[in-house]
Every structure is written in C-alpha cells, then in structure tokens.
Amino acid sequence: SVSAPKQEEVKRLPGGKIKKKASTTTFLSY
C-alpha cells in the first residue's frame, strides 16, 4: 500500500489531526 493515499484517508477520518501528525513525523523520518 502507498502511504500517500493512506494519509488522505486519515485526513477524512475523525481525529485525523493526531494521526496526521504521527504520519508527518514518520514521513520526516523517511
């Protein structure tokens, strides 16, 4: 699975802000 589409889904999901932050941190780690 690609991370980009997954992040978009997280955005739409409730509480996506927290998950989005985690995803961003992971992205920076990469």
PDB file of N, CA and C in Angstrom:
ATOM      1  N   SER A   1       0.845  -1.215   0.000  1.00  0.00           N
ATOM      2  CA  SER A   1       0.000   0.000   0.000  1.00  0.00           C
ATOM      3  C   SER A   1       0.870   1.251   0.000  1.00  0.00           C
ATOM      4  N   VAL A   2       0.395   2.298  -0.647  1.00  0.00           N
ATOM      5  CA  VAL A   2       1.158   3.548  -0.691  1.00  0.00           C
ATOM      6  C   VAL A   2       0.785   4.406   0.514  1.00  0.00           C
ATOM      7  N   SER A   3       1.746   5.147   1.042  1.00  0.00           N
ATOM      8  CA  SER A   3       1.482   5.967   2.229  1.00  0.00           C
ATOM      9  C   SER A   3       0.621   7.176   1.886  1.00  0.00           C
ATOM     10  N   ALA A   4       0.843   7.758   0.712  1.00  0.00           N
ATOM     11  CA  ALA A   4       0.106   8.979   0.340  1.00  0.00           C
ATOM     12  C   ALA A   4      -1.404   8.774   0.421  1.00  0.00           C
ATOM     13  N   PRO A   5      -1.967   7.787  -0.274  1.00  0.00           N
ATOM     14  CA  PRO A   5      -3.421   7.584  -0.215  1.00  0.00           C
ATOM     15  C   PRO A   5      -3.871   7.305   1.210  1.00  0.00           C
ATOM     16  N   LYS A   6      -3.072   6.576   1.962  1.00  0.00           N
ATOM     17  CA  LYS A   6      -3.445   6.249   3.343  1.00  0.00           C
ATOM     18  C   LYS A   6      -3.581   7.541   4.149  1.00  0.00           C
ATOM     19  N   GLN A   7      -2.645   8.457   3.976  1.00  0.00           N
ATOM     20  CA  GLN A   7      -2.708   9.716   4.723  1.00  0.00           C
ATOM     21  C   GLN A   7      -3.989  10.463   4.382  1.00  0.00           C
ATOM     22  N   GLU A   8      -4.375  10.465   3.115  1.00  0.00           N
ATOM     23  CA  GLU A   8      -5.599  11.169   2.712  1.00  0.00           C
ATOM     24  C   GLU A   8      -6.793  10.573   3.441  1.00  0.00           C
ATOM     25  N   GLU A   9      -6.835   9.256   3.563  1.00  0.00           N
ATOM     26  CA  GLU A   9      -7.941   8.607   4.272  1.00  0.00           C
ATOM     27  C   GLU A   9      -7.939   9.049   5.725  1.00  0.00           C
ATOM     28  N   VAL A  10      -6.771   9.112   6.326  1.00  0.00           N
ATOM     29  CA  VAL A  10      -6.673   9.532   7.727  1.00  0.00           C
ATOM     30  C   VAL A  10      -7.221  10.939   7.877  1.00  0.00           C
ATOM     31  N   LYS A  11      -6.930  11.794   6.907  1.00  0.00           N
ATOM     32  CA  LYS A  11      -7.427  13.177   6.970  1.00  0.00           C
ATOM     33  C   LYS A  11      -8.947  13.178   7.090  1.00  0.00           C
ATOM     34  N   ARG A  12      -9.607  12.353   6.298  1.00  0.00           N
ATOM     35  CA  ARG A  12     -11.074  12.336   6.307  1.00  0.00           C
ATOM     36  C   ARG A  12     -11.598  11.706   7.592  1.00  0.00           C
ATOM     37  N   LEU A  13     -10.869  10.755   8.145  1.00  0.00           N
ATOM     38  CA  LEU A  13     -11.341  10.094   9.363  1.00  0.00           C
ATOM     39  C   LEU A  13     -11.337  11.067  10.536  1.00  0.00           C
ATOM     40  N   PRO A  14     -12.227  10.839  11.512  1.00  0.00           N
ATOM     41  CA  PRO A  14     -12.290  11.703  12.696  1.00  0.00           C
ATOM     42  C   PRO A  14     -11.014  11.588  13.517  1.00  0.00           C
ATOM     43  N   GLY A  15     -10.580  12.704  14.112  1.00  0.00           N
ATOM     44  CA  GLY A  15      -9.350  12.681  14.901  1.00  0.00           C
ATOM     45  C   GLY A  15      -8.143  12.497  13.998  1.00  0.00           C
ATOM     46  N   GLY A  16      -8.301  12.827  12.734  1.00  0.00           N
ATOM     47  CA  GLY A  16      -7.193  12.663  11.788  1.00  0.00           C
ATOM     48  C   GLY A  16      -6.032  13.585  12.113  1.00  0.00           C
ATOM     49  N   LYS A  17      -6.322  14.655  12.833  1.00  0.00           N
ATOM     50  CA  LYS A  17      -5.250  15.603  13.176  1.00  0.00           C
ATOM     51  C   LYS A  17      -4.123  14.879  13.899  1.00  0.00           C
ATOM     52  N   ILE A  18      -4.477  14.094  14.924  1.00  0.00           N
ATOM     53  CA  ILE A  18      -3.442  13.399  15.695  1.00  0.00           C
ATOM     54  C   ILE A  18      -2.726  12.396  14.787  1.00  0.00           C
ATOM     55  N   LYS A  19      -3.512  11.603  14.062  1.00  0.00           N
ATOM     56  CA  LYS A  19      -2.898  10.599  13.189  1.00  0.00           C
ATOM     57  C   LYS A  19      -2.054  11.280  12.126  1.00  0.00           C
ATOM     58  N   LYS A  20      -2.552  12.399  11.620  1.00  0.00           N
ATOM     59  CA  LYS A  20      -1.807  13.113  10.583  1.00  0.00           C
ATOM     60  C   LYS A  20      -0.444  13.524  11.130  1.00  0.00           C
ATOM     61  N   LYS A  21      -0.420  14.033  12.357  1.00  0.00           N
ATOM     62  CA  LYS A  21       0.860  14.442  12.956  1.00  0.00           C
ATOM     63  C   LYS A  21       1.804  13.246  13.013  1.00  0.00           C
ATOM     64  N   ALA A  22       1.297  12.107  13.452  1.00  0.00           N
ATOM     65  CA  ALA A  22       2.130  10.909  13.537  1.00  0.00           C
ATOM     66  C   ALA A  22       2.651  10.548  12.150  1.00  0.00           C
ATOM     67  N   SER A  23       1.766  10.635  11.152  1.00  0.00           N
ATOM     68  CA  SER A  23       2.178  10.298   9.785  1.00  0.00           C
ATOM     69  C   SER A  23       3.253  11.268   9.309  1.00  0.00           C
ATOM     70  N   THR A  24       3.091  12.538   9.655  1.00  0.00           N
ATOM     71  CA  THR A  24       4.071  13.539   9.233  1.00  0.00           C
ATOM     72  C   THR A  24       5.423  13.218   9.857  1.00  0.00           C
ATOM     73  N   THR A  25       5.419  12.844  11.132  1.00  0.00           N
ATOM     74  CA  THR A  25       6.671  12.519  11.808  1.00  0.00           C
ATOM     75  C   THR A  25       7.341  11.346  11.102  1.00  0.00           C
ATOM     76  N   THR A  26       6.546  10.350  10.765  1.00  0.00           N
ATOM     77  CA  THR A  26       7.099   9.187  10.069  1.00  0.00           C
ATOM     78  C   THR A  26       7.669   9.618   8.729  1.00  0.00           C
ATOM     79  N   PHE A  27       6.942  10.490   8.051  1.00  0.00           N
ATOM     80  CA  PHE A  27       7.391  10.951   6.730  1.00  0.00           C
ATOM     81  C   PHE A  27       8.732  11.655   6.871  1.00  0.00           C
ATOM     82  N   LEU A  28       8.876  12.492   7.903  1.00  0.00           N
ATOM     83  CA  LEU A  28      10.139  13.206   8.107  1.00  0.00           C
ATOM     84  C   LEU A  28      11.241  12.196   8.413  1.00  0.00           C
ATOM     85  N   SER A  29      10.899  11.131   9.154  1.00  0.00           N
ATOM     86  CA  SER A  29      11.897  10.120   9.485  1.00  0.00           C
ATOM     87  C   SER A  29      12.444   9.497   8.209  1.00  0.00           C
ATOM     88  N   TYR A  30      11.549   9.250   7.249  1.00  0.00           N
ATOM     89  CA  TYR A  30      11.992   8.666   5.984  1.00  0.00           C
ATOM     90  C   TYR A  30      12.973   9.612   5.316  1.00  0.00           C
TER      91      TYR A  30
END
